[in-house]
Amino acid sequence: MNYIYETMYILRPDLSEELTDQAIEKYQTILRQQGTEQIEVQHRGRRRLAYEIQRQKEGIYIQMNYKSSGAAVAVLERAMRISDEVIRYLTVKQEQEVTPDLAAATV
């Protein structure tokens, strides 16, 4: 069953614009290969971290919203875990929206 997920990840701040774009494309490709639908990417830019992570005080924030299965999320997170360019990531499963026919069925 497919759910809507949001993955926020932080890239190292010393990556060039070209390497940042390559990293974003790499993670989108991983999701597409797993059958993910409706990938939306928001490049949030370079921001100061709340606390130092791996001796970094800043990071490049990227947010991805997509509709996928849990297996695809596991593949994505494994790729991020072993990557040197990602310093933190977090995936959250969004609550399902109530559709009109689902709301009528509960009444």
C-alpha atoms as a PDB file:
ATOM      1  CA  MET A   1       0.000   0.000   0.000  1.00  0.00           C
ATOM      2  CA  ASN A   2       1.281   3.434  -0.902  1.00  0.00           C
ATOM      3  CA  TYR A   3       1.388   6.254   1.620  1.00  0.00           C
ATOM      4  CA  ILE A   4       2.457   9.874   1.416  1.00  0.00           C
ATOM      5  CA  TYR A   5       5.918  10.453   2.895  1.00  0.00           C
ATOM      6  CA  GLU A   6       8.050  13.492   3.592  1.00  0.00           C
ATOM      7  CA  THR A   7      11.826  13.116   3.766  1.00  0.00           C
ATOM      8  CA  MET A   8      13.958  16.004   4.943  1.00  0.00           C
ATOM      9  CA  TYR A   9      17.700  15.598   4.594  1.00  0.00           C
ATOM     10  CA  ILE A  10      20.723  17.790   5.199  1.00  0.00           C
ATOM     11  CA  LEU A  11      23.701  17.771   2.861  1.00  0.00           C
ATOM     12  CA  ARG A  12      27.223  18.865   3.784  1.00  0.00           C
ATOM     13  CA  PRO A  13      27.637  22.628   3.278  1.00  0.00           C
ATOM     14  CA  ASP A  14      30.934  22.276   1.394  1.00  0.00           C
ATOM     15  CA  LEU A  15      29.237  20.642  -1.619  1.00  0.00           C
ATOM     16  CA  SER A  16      29.214  22.721  -4.785  1.00  0.00           C
ATOM     17  CA  GLU A  17      25.943  23.580  -6.510  1.00  0.00           C
ATOM     18  CA  GLU A  18      26.645  20.916  -9.126  1.00  0.00           C
ATOM     19  CA  LEU A  19      27.289  18.200  -6.521  1.00  0.00           C
ATOM     20  CA  THR A  20      24.172  19.263  -4.612  1.00  0.00           C
ATOM     21  CA  ASP A  21      22.059  18.898  -7.768  1.00  0.00           C
ATOM     22  CA  GLN A  22      23.633  15.486  -8.439  1.00  0.00           C
ATOM     23  CA  ALA A  23      22.794  14.321  -4.905  1.00  0.00           C
ATOM     24  CA  ILE A  24      19.179  15.484  -5.246  1.00  0.00           C
ATOM     25  CA  GLU A  25      18.867  13.699  -8.592  1.00  0.00           C
ATOM     26  CA  LYS A  26      20.443  10.539  -7.155  1.00  0.00           C
ATOM     27  CA  TYR A  27      17.825  10.258  -4.402  1.00  0.00           C
ATOM     28  CA  GLN A  28      14.982  11.045  -6.818  1.00  0.00           C
ATOM     29  CA  THR A  29      16.267   8.287  -9.122  1.00  0.00           C
ATOM     30  CA  ILE A  30      16.337   5.792  -6.244  1.00  0.00           C
ATOM     31  CA  LEU A  31      12.698   6.586  -5.494  1.00  0.00           C
ATOM     32  CA  ARG A  32      11.657   6.385  -9.166  1.00  0.00           C
ATOM     33  CA  GLN A  33      13.313   2.962  -9.504  1.00  0.00           C
ATOM     34  CA  GLN A  34      11.191   1.779  -6.576  1.00  0.00           C
ATOM     35  CA  GLY A  35       7.943   2.873  -8.274  1.00  0.00           C
ATOM     36  CA  THR A  36       7.409   6.110  -6.396  1.00  0.00           C
ATOM     37  CA  GLU A  37       4.766   8.546  -7.641  1.00  0.00           C
ATOM     38  CA  GLN A  38       4.421  12.337  -7.402  1.00  0.00           C
ATOM     39  CA  ILE A  39       7.906  13.331  -6.230  1.00  0.00           C
ATOM     40  CA  GLU A  40       8.078  16.989  -5.174  1.00  0.00           C
ATOM     41  CA  VAL A  41      11.461  18.455  -4.204  1.00  0.00           C
ATOM     42  CA  GLN A  42      12.008  21.722  -2.343  1.00  0.00           C
ATOM     43  CA  HIS A  43      15.556  23.029  -2.096  1.00  0.00           C
ATOM     44  CA  ARG A  44      15.483  24.932   1.219  1.00  0.00           C
ATOM     45  CA  GLY A  45      19.022  26.267   0.855  1.00  0.00           C
ATOM     46  CA  ARG A  46      21.967  26.626   3.214  1.00  0.00           C
ATOM     47  CA  ARG A  47      21.011  27.176   6.852  1.00  0.00           C
ATOM     48  CA  ARG A  48      22.688  27.232  10.212  1.00  0.00           C
ATOM     49  CA  LEU A  49      22.216  24.028  12.213  1.00  0.00           C
ATOM     50  CA  ALA A  50      20.726  24.149  15.703  1.00  0.00           C
ATOM     51  CA  TYR A  51      23.753  22.192  16.933  1.00  0.00           C
ATOM     52  CA  GLU A  52      26.971  20.968  15.385  1.00  0.00           C
ATOM     53  CA  ILE A  53      26.710  17.685  13.439  1.00  0.00           C
ATOM     54  CA  GLN A  54      29.877  15.916  12.271  1.00  0.00           C
ATOM     55  CA  ARG A  55      31.813  19.139  12.893  1.00  0.00           C
ATOM     56  CA  GLN A  56      29.485  21.057  10.549  1.00  0.00           C
ATOM     57  CA  LYS A  57      27.728  24.238  11.684  1.00  0.00           C
ATOM     58  CA  GLU A  58      25.682  24.695   8.490  1.00  0.00           C
ATOM     59  CA  GLY A  59      23.901  22.403   6.080  1.00  0.00           C
ATOM     60  CA  ILE A  60      21.967  22.367   2.818  1.00  0.00           C
ATOM     61  CA  TYR A  61      18.358  21.430   3.530  1.00  0.00           C
ATOM     62  CA  ILE A  62      16.330  19.426   0.995  1.00  0.00           C
ATOM     63  CA  GLN A  63      12.697  18.331   1.423  1.00  0.00           C
ATOM     64  CA  MET A  64      11.036  15.622  -0.687  1.00  0.00           C
ATOM     65  CA  ASN A  65       7.324  14.772  -0.608  1.00  0.00           C
ATOM     66  CA  TYR A  66       6.243  11.622  -2.442  1.00  0.00           C
ATOM     67  CA  LYS A  67       3.739   8.781  -2.606  1.00  0.00           C
ATOM     68  CA  SER A  68       5.396   5.407  -2.141  1.00  0.00           C
ATOM     69  CA  SER A  69       5.579   2.107  -0.299  1.00  0.00           C
ATOM     70  CA  GLY A  70       7.503   1.519   2.906  1.00  0.00           C
ATOM     71  CA  ALA A  71       9.990  -0.693   1.042  1.00  0.00           C
ATOM     72  CA  ALA A  72      11.010   2.243  -1.180  1.00  0.00           C
ATOM     73  CA  VAL A  73      11.582   4.407   1.896  1.00  0.00           C
ATOM     74  CA  ALA A  74      13.840   1.711   3.374  1.00  0.00           C
ATOM     75  CA  VAL A  75      15.958   1.650   0.186  1.00  0.00           C
ATOM     76  CA  LEU A  76      16.201   5.458   0.167  1.00  0.00           C
ATOM     77  CA  GLU A  77      17.197   5.664   3.836  1.00  0.00           C
ATOM     78  CA  ARG A  78      19.830   2.946   3.408  1.00  0.00           C
ATOM     79  CA  ALA A  79      21.402   4.929   0.554  1.00  0.00           C
ATOM     80  CA  MET A  80      21.403   8.080   2.708  1.00  0.00           C
ATOM     81  CA  ARG A  81      22.856   6.243   5.709  1.00  0.00           C
ATOM     82  CA  ILE A  82      25.931   5.051   3.791  1.00  0.00           C
ATOM     83  CA  SER A  83      26.424   8.331   1.915  1.00  0.00           C
ATOM     84  CA  ASP A  84      29.145  10.782   2.946  1.00  0.00           C
ATOM     85  CA  GLU A  85      27.234  13.765   1.576  1.00  0.00           C
ATOM     86  CA  VAL A  86      24.172  13.396   3.861  1.00  0.00           C
ATOM     87  CA  ILE A  87      24.746  14.415   7.479  1.00  0.00           C
ATOM     88  CA  ARG A  88      21.140  13.884   8.715  1.00  0.00           C
ATOM     89  CA  TYR A  89      17.820  12.650   7.353  1.00  0.00           C
ATOM     90  CA  LEU A  90      14.312  12.089   8.665  1.00  0.00           C
ATOM     91  CA  THR A  91      11.309  10.474   6.979  1.00  0.00           C
ATOM     92  CA  VAL A  92       7.769  11.013   8.235  1.00  0.00           C
ATOM     93  CA  LYS A  93       4.623   9.242   7.019  1.00  0.00           C
ATOM     94  CA  GLN A  94       1.911  11.845   6.500  1.00  0.00           C
ATOM     95  CA  GLU A  95      -1.627  11.320   7.749  1.00  0.00           C
ATOM     96  CA  GLN A  96      -4.045  10.258   5.041  1.00  0.00           C
ATOM     97  CA  GLU A  97      -6.410  12.932   3.782  1.00  0.00           C
ATOM     98  CA  VAL A  98     -10.105  12.213   4.195  1.00  0.00           C
ATOM     99  CA  THR A  99     -11.736  11.858   0.787  1.00  0.00           C
ATOM    100  CA  PRO A 100     -15.435  12.752   0.336  1.00  0.00           C
ATOM    101  CA  ASP A 101     -16.519   9.136  -0.288  1.00  0.00           C
ATOM    102  CA  LEU A 102     -14.560   7.936   2.787  1.00  0.00           C
ATOM    103  CA  ALA A 103     -16.222  10.590   4.960  1.00  0.00           C
ATOM    104  CA  ALA A 104     -19.677   9.585   3.662  1.00  0.00           C
ATOM    105  CA  ALA A 105     -18.971   5.934   4.497  1.00  0.00           C
ATOM    106  CA  THR A 106     -18.270   6.792   8.153  1.00  0.00           C
ATOM    107  CA  VAL A 107     -21.568   8.660   8.662  1.00  0.00           C
END
